[in-house]
Amino acid sequence: MKNIVAVFFALMLSAGAFGQQKFEESFVGAQPDTARKVRIGADFALQIQALEHHADTARLIPLGKGITLPTANFVIEGTLADGIVVNLETYLSSRHHNDTWVKGGYLFVDKLPFIKSPAITRAMDFLSFRAGMMEINYGDAHFRRTDNGKALRNPFVGNYIIDAFTVSPALEIYFNTGGLLLMGGLTTGNVNTTLSSYSAATKQYTALNAGKELAVYGKAGFDKAFNDDFRFRLTLSGYHAAKNHSGALYFGDRAGSRYYLVMQRVTGNAGDVDASANFQTGQWGPGTTNKDNSAMLNLFTKFHGLEVFGLLEKAKGTLLNGNNFDFGQYAVEGLYRFGTDEQFYAGVKYNAAKNDTPARINRFEAGAGWFPVKNLVIKAEYVKQNYKNFDVYGGGGGFNGFMLESGISF
């Protein structure tokens, strides 16, 4: 383990503000500025995994320790006019796809310089729009999760057990004034959009009409920095899809989880050790859905160096096969940032999830990190995740151990 740690720090040392939490303001990295037409950025992340797993009766694959696949994102952001910015993000390398492929892109508008109307100009002081094939703004948890190579905004290594994150065609309208935040969105809810489907079971073709299968979502909350030392944010988000042949809200993380091959059972074929095919190990949720009604309540507060983030989520609906699902989770994070520029931090996170069966999962993470410069983080964590009442593991099991990670974003 000492040799692994030495290699890790050697790689990292050769390679926004310190730990400042961003929510909707992170949608546009470079503020509209007609003097600067294009911004090029990138995100890189590298982990070392030293985890062990076990199950009550199921046989799990042997799990080694070492460096996992380095991941990277590439971002191009262009200013088309004052207040109009276009963003394109590409996964250069990811656990699910080792080759390069586009994550998505969007147009962000908070001014309409081509409409010469005082009334429109005043309205745009409170309104903004975002549209494209993009990461939808359901809940606040996606602002604190790792997105492939983008690891600076997550103080820990793992994301949430039930991971509400997807990229789909969407339109969002924002109203923001005096700390009040309102957002309404419309989306197909699909990662890969299509116009027709085929069922091998029934040998039937079905025409898919997006106008009849759109999902609506929204967010309402209060977010205000009262001074340099105190910020408070409370939001409630909702997501509703009455009919969607391939809803991806809980199956949209195409990059993959940070805990490689944990709890992977032995089935006797090479796919057991394929980290790409089994890219969601450590996560849990309904998967691809037909009907979906979800809600998430989030709290964020920061007082001097003390930072608290909370999550309470409920998701109910039907799966593609017609079966009902009913999932819920909560998470609490406590973090303390310190140092002259708050370049150091330490904290804990507890996350618990359940569904309408006796199955339960809980996870504890304790971590610490250091920003040598504002665009580079080095972090370490201890993680322990428990599974209860899971038949596939003979009743239960779990994994635990240490993770090291470094991320660079610019």
Protein backbone atom coordinates (compact mmCIF):
# COMPACT_ATOMS: atom_id res chain seq x y z
CA MET A 1 0.00 0.00 0.00
CA LYS A 2 2.89 2.40 0.73
CA ASN A 3 4.18 1.95 -2.84
CA ILE A 4 0.71 2.66 -4.25
CA VAL A 5 0.42 5.86 -2.23
CA ALA A 6 3.86 7.00 -3.35
CA VAL A 7 2.97 6.47 -7.02
CA PHE A 8 -0.33 8.31 -6.54
CA PHE A 9 1.19 11.47 -5.10
CA ALA A 10 4.04 11.45 -7.60
CA LEU A 11 1.54 11.38 -10.46
CA MET A 12 -0.58 14.13 -8.97
CA LEU A 13 2.23 16.52 -8.12
CA SER A 14 3.60 16.24 -11.64
CA ALA A 15 0.52 16.85 -13.16
CA GLY A 16 -12.48 27.95 -8.80
CA ALA A 17 -11.89 29.11 -5.27
CA PHE A 18 -10.80 26.52 -2.72
CA GLY A 19 -13.77 24.20 -2.26
CA GLN A 20 -16.35 26.93 -2.94
CA GLN A 21 -19.77 25.32 -3.47
CA LYS A 22 -21.49 26.30 -6.70
CA PHE A 23 -25.04 25.40 -7.67
CA GLU A 24 -26.83 26.93 -10.67
CA GLU A 25 -24.02 29.43 -11.13
CA SER A 26 -21.78 26.55 -12.22
CA PHE A 27 -23.75 26.20 -15.48
CA VAL A 28 -21.65 28.97 -17.04
CA GLY A 29 -17.96 28.80 -16.17
CA ALA A 30 -17.06 32.01 -18.00
CA GLN A 31 -19.53 34.85 -17.50
CA PRO A 32 -20.83 36.41 -20.74
CA ASP A 33 -18.15 38.71 -22.09
CA THR A 34 -18.03 39.74 -25.72
CA ALA A 35 -14.30 40.43 -25.44
CA ARG A 36 -13.60 36.76 -24.75
CA LYS A 37 -15.22 34.57 -27.37
CA VAL A 38 -14.10 31.04 -26.42
CA ARG A 39 -13.06 29.23 -23.24
CA ILE A 40 -11.46 25.79 -23.35
CA GLY A 41 -11.39 23.73 -20.17
CA ALA A 42 -10.80 20.19 -18.99
CA ASP A 43 -11.27 17.92 -15.99
CA PHE A 44 -8.99 15.04 -15.02
CA ALA A 45 -9.34 12.53 -12.19
CA LEU A 46 -7.35 9.54 -10.97
CA GLN A 47 -8.19 7.13 -8.15
CA ILE A 48 -6.46 4.41 -6.21
CA GLN A 49 -8.85 1.81 -4.81
CA ALA A 50 -8.11 -0.41 -1.83
CA LEU A 51 -11.47 -2.00 -1.03
CA GLU A 52 -12.56 -5.41 0.21
CA HIS A 53 -16.03 -6.93 -0.16
CA HIS A 54 -17.97 -9.86 1.25
CA ALA A 55 -21.38 -11.53 1.05
CA ASP A 56 -23.21 -13.87 3.40
CA THR A 57 -23.38 -16.83 1.01
CA ALA A 58 -22.80 -15.54 -2.53
CA ARG A 59 -19.37 -15.95 -4.08
CA LEU A 60 -17.82 -12.60 -5.06
CA ILE A 61 -14.97 -12.02 -7.49
CA PRO A 62 -11.51 -11.44 -5.95
CA LEU A 63 -10.90 -7.69 -5.74
CA GLY A 64 -7.41 -6.28 -6.10
CA LYS A 65 -5.95 -2.93 -5.08
CA GLY A 66 -4.49 -0.34 -7.38
CA ILE A 67 -5.06 2.51 -9.85
CA THR A 68 -8.41 2.53 -11.62
CA LEU A 69 -9.08 3.99 -15.07
CA PRO A 70 -8.09 7.69 -15.25
CA THR A 71 -11.06 9.75 -16.44
CA ALA A 72 -11.22 13.05 -18.29
CA ASN A 73 -13.71 15.62 -19.61
CA PHE A 74 -13.18 18.30 -22.24
CA VAL A 75 -15.24 21.50 -22.25
CA ILE A 76 -15.65 24.16 -24.92
CA GLU A 77 -17.64 27.27 -24.03
CA GLY A 78 -18.26 30.07 -26.49
CA THR A 79 -19.81 33.51 -26.09
CA LEU A 80 -22.15 34.10 -29.03
CA ALA A 81 -23.29 37.52 -27.81
CA ASP A 82 -23.51 39.46 -24.58
CA GLY A 83 -25.42 37.14 -22.24
CA ILE A 84 -25.60 34.19 -24.66
CA VAL A 85 -23.20 31.30 -24.08
CA VAL A 86 -22.99 27.84 -25.69
CA ASN A 87 -21.41 24.91 -23.85
CA LEU A 88 -20.22 21.54 -25.17
CA GLU A 89 -18.79 18.82 -22.92
CA THR A 90 -17.09 15.60 -24.02
CA TYR A 91 -16.02 12.54 -22.03
CA LEU A 92 -12.49 11.80 -23.23
CA SER A 93 -12.22 8.67 -21.10
CA SER A 94 -14.80 7.10 -18.79
CA ARG A 95 -15.41 3.83 -17.00
CA HIS A 96 -18.47 2.99 -19.09
CA HIS A 97 -16.91 4.02 -22.43
CA ASN A 98 -13.13 4.04 -22.62
CA ASP A 99 -13.23 5.97 -25.90
CA THR A 100 -14.17 9.60 -26.51
CA TRP A 101 -17.85 10.53 -26.81
CA VAL A 102 -19.99 13.62 -26.29
CA LYS A 103 -21.72 14.04 -22.94
CA GLY A 104 -23.95 16.90 -24.12
CA GLY A 105 -24.22 20.62 -24.62
CA TYR A 106 -26.56 23.53 -24.04
CA LEU A 107 -27.31 27.15 -24.79
CA PHE A 108 -27.45 29.49 -21.77
CA VAL A 109 -29.24 32.82 -22.14
CA ASP A 110 -29.55 35.56 -19.51
CA LYS A 111 -29.73 38.54 -21.86
CA LEU A 112 -31.53 39.16 -25.17
CA PRO A 113 -29.41 41.86 -26.82
CA PHE A 114 -31.10 41.38 -30.21
CA ILE A 115 -34.51 42.47 -28.82
CA LYS A 116 -34.54 46.25 -28.33
CA SER A 117 -37.23 46.49 -25.68
CA PRO A 118 -36.89 48.11 -22.24
CA ALA A 119 -39.55 45.74 -20.86
CA ILE A 120 -37.67 42.65 -22.10
CA THR A 121 -34.39 44.04 -20.73
CA ARG A 122 -35.98 44.54 -17.30
CA ALA A 123 -37.50 41.04 -17.37
CA MET A 124 -34.14 39.49 -18.19
CA ASP A 125 -32.77 40.96 -14.95
CA PHE A 126 -34.75 38.14 -13.29
CA LEU A 127 -35.01 35.47 -16.01
CA SER A 128 -32.59 33.08 -17.68
CA PHE A 129 -32.94 30.09 -19.99
CA ARG A 130 -30.99 26.89 -20.60
CA ALA A 131 -31.73 24.44 -23.41
CA GLY A 132 -29.96 21.51 -25.04
CA MET A 133 -28.94 17.90 -24.54
CA MET A 134 -27.85 18.51 -20.97
CA GLU A 135 -27.55 17.50 -17.33
CA ILE A 136 -31.01 18.36 -16.03
CA ASN A 137 -31.31 20.42 -12.87
CA TYR A 138 -33.36 18.05 -10.70
CA GLY A 139 -32.36 18.35 -7.04
CA ASP A 140 -29.11 19.76 -5.67
CA ALA A 141 -27.24 16.48 -5.21
CA HIS A 142 -25.92 16.57 -8.78
CA PHE A 143 -23.97 19.71 -7.89
CA ARG A 144 -21.98 17.77 -5.25
CA ARG A 145 -21.37 14.58 -7.20
CA THR A 146 -18.40 13.55 -9.29
CA ASP A 147 -19.11 13.64 -13.03
CA ASN A 148 -16.46 11.45 -14.64
CA GLY A 149 -13.29 13.61 -14.62
CA LYS A 150 -15.02 16.49 -12.82
CA ALA A 151 -14.16 15.71 -9.18
CA LEU A 152 -13.43 19.07 -7.50
CA ARG A 153 -17.03 19.78 -6.48
CA ASN A 154 -17.38 16.48 -4.58
CA PRO A 155 -15.56 16.58 -1.21
CA PHE A 156 -15.79 12.78 -1.05
CA VAL A 157 -15.00 10.08 -3.62
CA GLY A 158 -18.36 8.31 -3.97
CA ASN A 159 -21.63 9.71 -5.27
CA TYR A 160 -25.01 8.93 -3.70
CA ILE A 161 -26.42 5.39 -3.45
CA ILE A 162 -29.52 6.38 -5.44
CA ASP A 163 -27.99 8.63 -8.08
CA ALA A 164 -30.49 11.02 -9.72
CA PHE A 165 -28.39 12.17 -12.66
CA THR A 166 -29.11 12.12 -16.37
CA VAL A 167 -28.37 13.92 -19.61
CA SER A 168 -31.36 14.38 -21.92
CA PRO A 169 -32.97 16.93 -24.28
CA ALA A 170 -34.42 19.62 -22.03
CA LEU A 171 -35.49 23.24 -21.63
CA GLU A 172 -35.23 25.12 -18.31
CA ILE A 173 -36.57 28.57 -17.38
CA TYR A 174 -35.24 30.36 -14.26
CA PHE A 175 -36.56 33.20 -12.13
CA ASN A 176 -34.16 34.51 -9.50
CA THR A 177 -34.45 37.59 -7.30
CA GLY A 178 -33.45 38.46 -3.74
CA GLY A 179 -32.56 34.85 -2.94
CA LEU A 180 -35.79 33.40 -4.32
CA LEU A 181 -35.15 30.70 -6.94
CA LEU A 182 -37.82 29.22 -9.21
CA MET A 183 -37.17 26.87 -12.11
CA GLY A 184 -39.43 24.95 -14.50
CA GLY A 185 -38.19 22.33 -16.93
CA LEU A 186 -39.38 20.10 -19.74
CA THR A 187 -37.52 17.00 -20.97
CA THR A 188 -37.91 13.77 -22.89
CA GLY A 189 -36.17 12.05 -19.98
CA ASN A 190 -34.22 9.85 -22.42
CA VAL A 191 -30.45 9.53 -22.72
CA ASN A 192 -30.76 8.06 -26.23
CA THR A 193 -33.82 9.45 -27.97
CA THR A 194 -35.64 7.37 -30.57
CA LEU A 195 -38.88 7.46 -32.56
CA SER A 196 -39.79 3.77 -32.46
CA SER A 197 -39.33 0.74 -30.20
CA TYR A 198 -39.60 -3.04 -30.56
CA SER A 199 -40.51 -5.65 -27.94
CA ALA A 200 -38.94 -9.06 -28.49
CA ALA A 201 -41.43 -10.56 -26.04
CA THR A 202 -44.55 -9.40 -27.89
CA LYS A 203 -42.91 -8.90 -31.32
CA GLN A 204 -44.65 -5.53 -31.48
CA TYR A 205 -43.40 -2.19 -32.77
CA THR A 206 -44.42 1.03 -31.04
CA ALA A 207 -44.18 4.58 -32.39
CA LEU A 208 -42.75 6.92 -29.77
CA ASN A 209 -44.17 10.43 -29.74
CA ALA A 210 -42.17 12.84 -27.61
CA GLY A 211 -45.07 15.28 -27.33
CA LYS A 212 -47.04 12.68 -25.41
CA GLU A 213 -44.16 11.39 -23.32
CA LEU A 214 -42.45 14.50 -21.99
CA ALA A 215 -41.46 14.76 -18.34
CA VAL A 216 -41.89 17.97 -16.38
CA TYR A 217 -39.71 19.01 -13.46
CA GLY A 218 -39.04 22.02 -11.34
CA LYS A 219 -37.28 23.55 -8.38
CA ALA A 220 -38.28 26.15 -5.80
CA GLY A 221 -36.06 27.46 -3.06
CA PHE A 222 -34.20 30.18 -1.25
CA ASP A 223 -30.47 30.73 -1.67
CA LYS A 224 -28.65 33.71 -0.20
CA ALA A 225 -25.19 34.63 1.04
CA PHE A 226 -25.98 37.02 3.90
CA ASN A 227 -22.31 37.98 4.21
CA ASP A 228 -18.87 36.54 3.47
CA ASP A 229 -19.24 34.07 6.36
CA PHE A 230 -22.81 32.79 6.09
CA ARG A 231 -24.77 31.23 3.22
CA PHE A 232 -28.12 29.42 3.44
CA ARG A 233 -29.91 27.41 0.74
CA LEU A 234 -33.08 25.33 0.90
CA THR A 235 -34.69 23.82 -2.21
CA LEU A 236 -37.48 21.42 -3.11
CA SER A 237 -37.41 19.71 -6.51
CA GLY A 238 -39.97 17.57 -8.27
CA TYR A 239 -39.96 15.34 -11.38
CA HIS A 240 -43.03 13.85 -13.09
CA ALA A 241 -43.17 11.53 -16.09
CA ALA A 242 -46.64 10.09 -16.75
CA LYS A 243 -45.34 7.89 -19.56
CA ASN A 244 -41.80 7.44 -20.81
CA HIS A 245 -40.57 4.32 -22.57
CA SER A 246 -37.01 4.79 -21.39
CA GLY A 247 -36.86 7.18 -18.43
CA ALA A 248 -33.25 7.65 -17.41
CA LEU A 249 -33.37 9.83 -14.29
CA TYR A 250 -31.93 6.93 -12.27
CA PHE A 251 -30.01 5.30 -15.10
CA GLY A 252 -28.35 8.27 -16.73
CA ASP A 253 -24.82 8.20 -15.28
CA ARG A 254 -23.09 6.87 -18.38
CA ALA A 255 -19.62 7.51 -16.94
CA GLY A 256 -19.85 5.02 -14.05
CA SER A 257 -19.43 4.88 -10.29
CA ARG A 258 -16.17 5.37 -8.39
CA TYR A 259 -16.24 1.98 -6.61
CA TYR A 260 -14.99 -0.46 -9.22
CA LEU A 261 -16.45 -4.01 -9.28
CA VAL A 262 -17.60 -3.99 -5.65
CA MET A 263 -20.15 -6.71 -4.77
CA GLN A 264 -19.70 -8.34 -8.19
CA ARG A 265 -20.79 -11.98 -8.04
CA VAL A 266 -19.05 -14.90 -9.74
CA THR A 267 -21.12 -16.25 -12.65
CA GLY A 268 -18.34 -18.02 -14.51
CA ASN A 269 -17.74 -15.72 -17.49
CA ALA A 270 -15.36 -12.92 -18.45
CA GLY A 271 -18.07 -10.30 -18.00
CA ASP A 272 -17.76 -10.66 -14.23
CA VAL A 273 -14.55 -8.60 -14.26
CA ASP A 274 -15.61 -6.10 -16.96
CA ALA A 275 -15.69 -2.73 -15.19
CA SER A 276 -17.31 -1.11 -18.22
CA ALA A 277 -20.23 -3.56 -18.47
CA ASN A 278 -20.75 -3.38 -14.69
CA PHE A 279 -20.34 0.38 -14.48
CA GLN A 280 -22.83 1.08 -11.66
CA THR A 281 -21.38 -1.12 -8.91
CA GLY A 282 -22.03 0.38 -5.48
CA GLN A 283 -25.15 2.22 -6.66
CA TRP A 284 -28.79 1.19 -6.34
CA GLY A 285 -32.09 2.39 -7.72
CA PRO A 286 -35.03 1.65 -10.00
CA GLY A 287 -33.02 1.83 -13.22
CA THR A 288 -34.87 2.63 -16.45
CA THR A 289 -38.47 3.67 -15.79
CA ASN A 290 -41.81 4.17 -17.50
CA LYS A 291 -43.76 6.32 -15.03
CA ASP A 292 -41.78 8.33 -12.49
CA ASN A 293 -42.78 10.66 -9.66
CA SER A 294 -39.79 11.89 -7.70
CA ALA A 295 -39.12 14.63 -5.17
CA MET A 296 -35.94 15.80 -3.48
CA LEU A 297 -35.48 18.19 -0.55
CA ASN A 298 -32.02 19.71 -0.08
CA LEU A 299 -30.43 21.88 2.58
CA PHE A 300 -27.07 23.60 2.28
CA THR A 301 -25.57 25.97 4.81
CA LYS A 302 -22.09 27.32 5.36
CA PHE A 303 -21.00 29.34 8.40
CA HIS A 304 -17.33 30.30 8.37
CA GLY A 305 -15.61 26.94 7.69
CA LEU A 306 -18.49 24.70 8.75
CA GLU A 307 -20.51 23.29 5.85
CA VAL A 308 -23.62 21.07 6.01
CA PHE A 309 -25.50 19.46 3.13
CA GLY A 310 -28.64 17.35 3.47
CA LEU A 311 -30.74 15.28 1.10
CA LEU A 312 -34.16 13.63 1.44
CA GLU A 313 -35.55 11.89 -1.66
CA LYS A 314 -38.56 9.79 -2.65
CA ALA A 315 -39.14 8.08 -6.02
CA LYS A 316 -42.24 6.10 -7.03
CA GLY A 317 -43.50 4.81 -10.37
CA THR A 318 -43.41 1.87 -12.74
CA LEU A 319 -40.55 0.10 -14.49
CA LEU A 320 -40.49 -0.75 -18.19
CA ASN A 321 -41.84 -4.22 -17.39
CA GLY A 322 -44.85 -2.69 -15.64
CA ASN A 323 -43.76 -3.49 -12.07
CA ASN A 324 -44.09 -0.75 -9.47
CA PHE A 325 -41.10 0.73 -7.66
CA ASP A 326 -40.87 2.75 -4.46
CA PHE A 327 -37.42 3.98 -3.42
CA GLY A 328 -36.26 6.49 -0.85
CA GLN A 329 -33.00 7.77 0.56
CA TYR A 330 -31.50 10.38 2.84
CA ALA A 331 -27.98 11.71 3.22
CA VAL A 332 -26.23 14.09 5.59
CA GLU A 333 -22.78 15.60 5.02
CA GLY A 334 -20.80 17.55 7.59
CA LEU A 335 -17.62 19.27 6.47
CA TYR A 336 -15.14 21.68 7.99
CA ARG A 337 -12.89 23.76 5.72
CA PHE A 338 -9.83 25.40 7.24
CA GLY A 339 -6.55 27.07 6.38
CA THR A 340 -5.82 30.61 5.23
CA ASP A 341 -7.94 30.15 2.09
CA GLU A 342 -9.91 27.11 3.33
CA GLN A 343 -7.63 24.95 1.23
CA PHE A 344 -7.97 22.01 3.66
CA TYR A 345 -11.11 20.16 4.68
CA ALA A 346 -12.29 17.11 6.60
CA GLY A 347 -15.74 15.65 7.02
CA VAL A 348 -18.15 12.73 7.12
CA LYS A 349 -21.14 11.62 5.05
CA TYR A 350 -23.90 9.16 5.90
CA ASN A 351 -26.26 7.89 3.18
CA ALA A 352 -29.08 5.35 3.61
CA ALA A 353 -31.46 3.95 0.97
CA LYS A 354 -34.41 1.57 0.90
CA ASN A 355 -37.24 0.36 -1.32
CA ASP A 356 -40.60 -1.31 -0.73
CA THR A 357 -38.97 -4.69 -0.07
CA PRO A 358 -36.98 -5.44 3.09
CA ALA A 359 -33.77 -4.54 1.20
CA ARG A 360 -31.69 -1.76 2.72
CA ILE A 361 -28.29 -0.15 2.04
CA ASN A 362 -26.33 2.29 4.17
CA ARG A 363 -22.96 3.90 3.57
CA PHE A 364 -20.53 5.82 5.79
CA GLU A 365 -17.70 7.92 4.35
CA ALA A 366 -15.03 9.81 6.26
CA GLY A 367 -12.70 11.91 4.17
CA ALA A 368 -10.21 14.75 3.99
CA GLY A 369 -8.78 16.84 1.20
CA TRP A 370 -6.27 19.49 0.22
CA PHE A 371 -6.34 22.10 -2.54
CA PRO A 372 -2.66 22.91 -3.21
CA VAL A 373 -4.02 25.39 -5.77
CA LYS A 374 -7.67 26.18 -6.46
CA ASN A 375 -7.84 23.96 -9.55
CA LEU A 376 -6.27 20.84 -7.98
CA VAL A 377 -7.60 18.65 -5.17
CA ILE A 378 -6.05 15.65 -3.46
CA LYS A 379 -8.44 13.68 -1.24
CA ALA A 380 -8.70 10.45 0.69
CA GLU A 381 -11.60 8.63 2.29
CA TYR A 382 -12.58 5.57 4.24
CA VAL A 383 -15.86 4.04 3.06
CA LYS A 384 -18.05 1.29 4.51
CA GLN A 385 -21.25 0.18 2.76
CA ASN A 386 -23.66 -2.45 4.13
CA TYR A 387 -26.32 -4.47 2.30
CA LYS A 388 -29.21 -6.00 4.26
CA ASN A 389 -31.90 -8.42 3.07
CA PHE A 390 -30.48 -8.84 -0.43
CA ASP A 391 -31.28 -12.32 -1.73
CA VAL A 392 -28.53 -12.18 -4.37
CA TYR A 393 -25.95 -12.06 -1.55
CA GLY A 394 -27.64 -14.65 0.61
CA GLY A 395 -29.12 -12.02 2.87
CA GLY A 396 -26.43 -9.37 3.09
CA GLY A 397 -22.85 -8.26 2.63
CA GLY A 398 -20.84 -5.14 2.07
CA PHE A 399 -17.56 -3.50 1.16
CA ASN A 400 -15.13 -1.26 2.97
CA GLY A 401 -11.68 0.22 2.64
CA PHE A 402 -9.79 3.27 1.47
CA MET A 403 -9.88 5.43 -1.64
CA LEU A 404 -7.40 8.05 -2.81
CA GLU A 405 -8.31 10.49 -5.54
CA SER A 406 -7.01 13.61 -7.20
CA GLY A 407 -8.80 15.90 -9.60
CA ILE A 408 -7.71 18.77 -11.81
CA SER A 409 -10.21 21.19 -13.40
CA PHE A 410 -9.59 24.38 -15.31
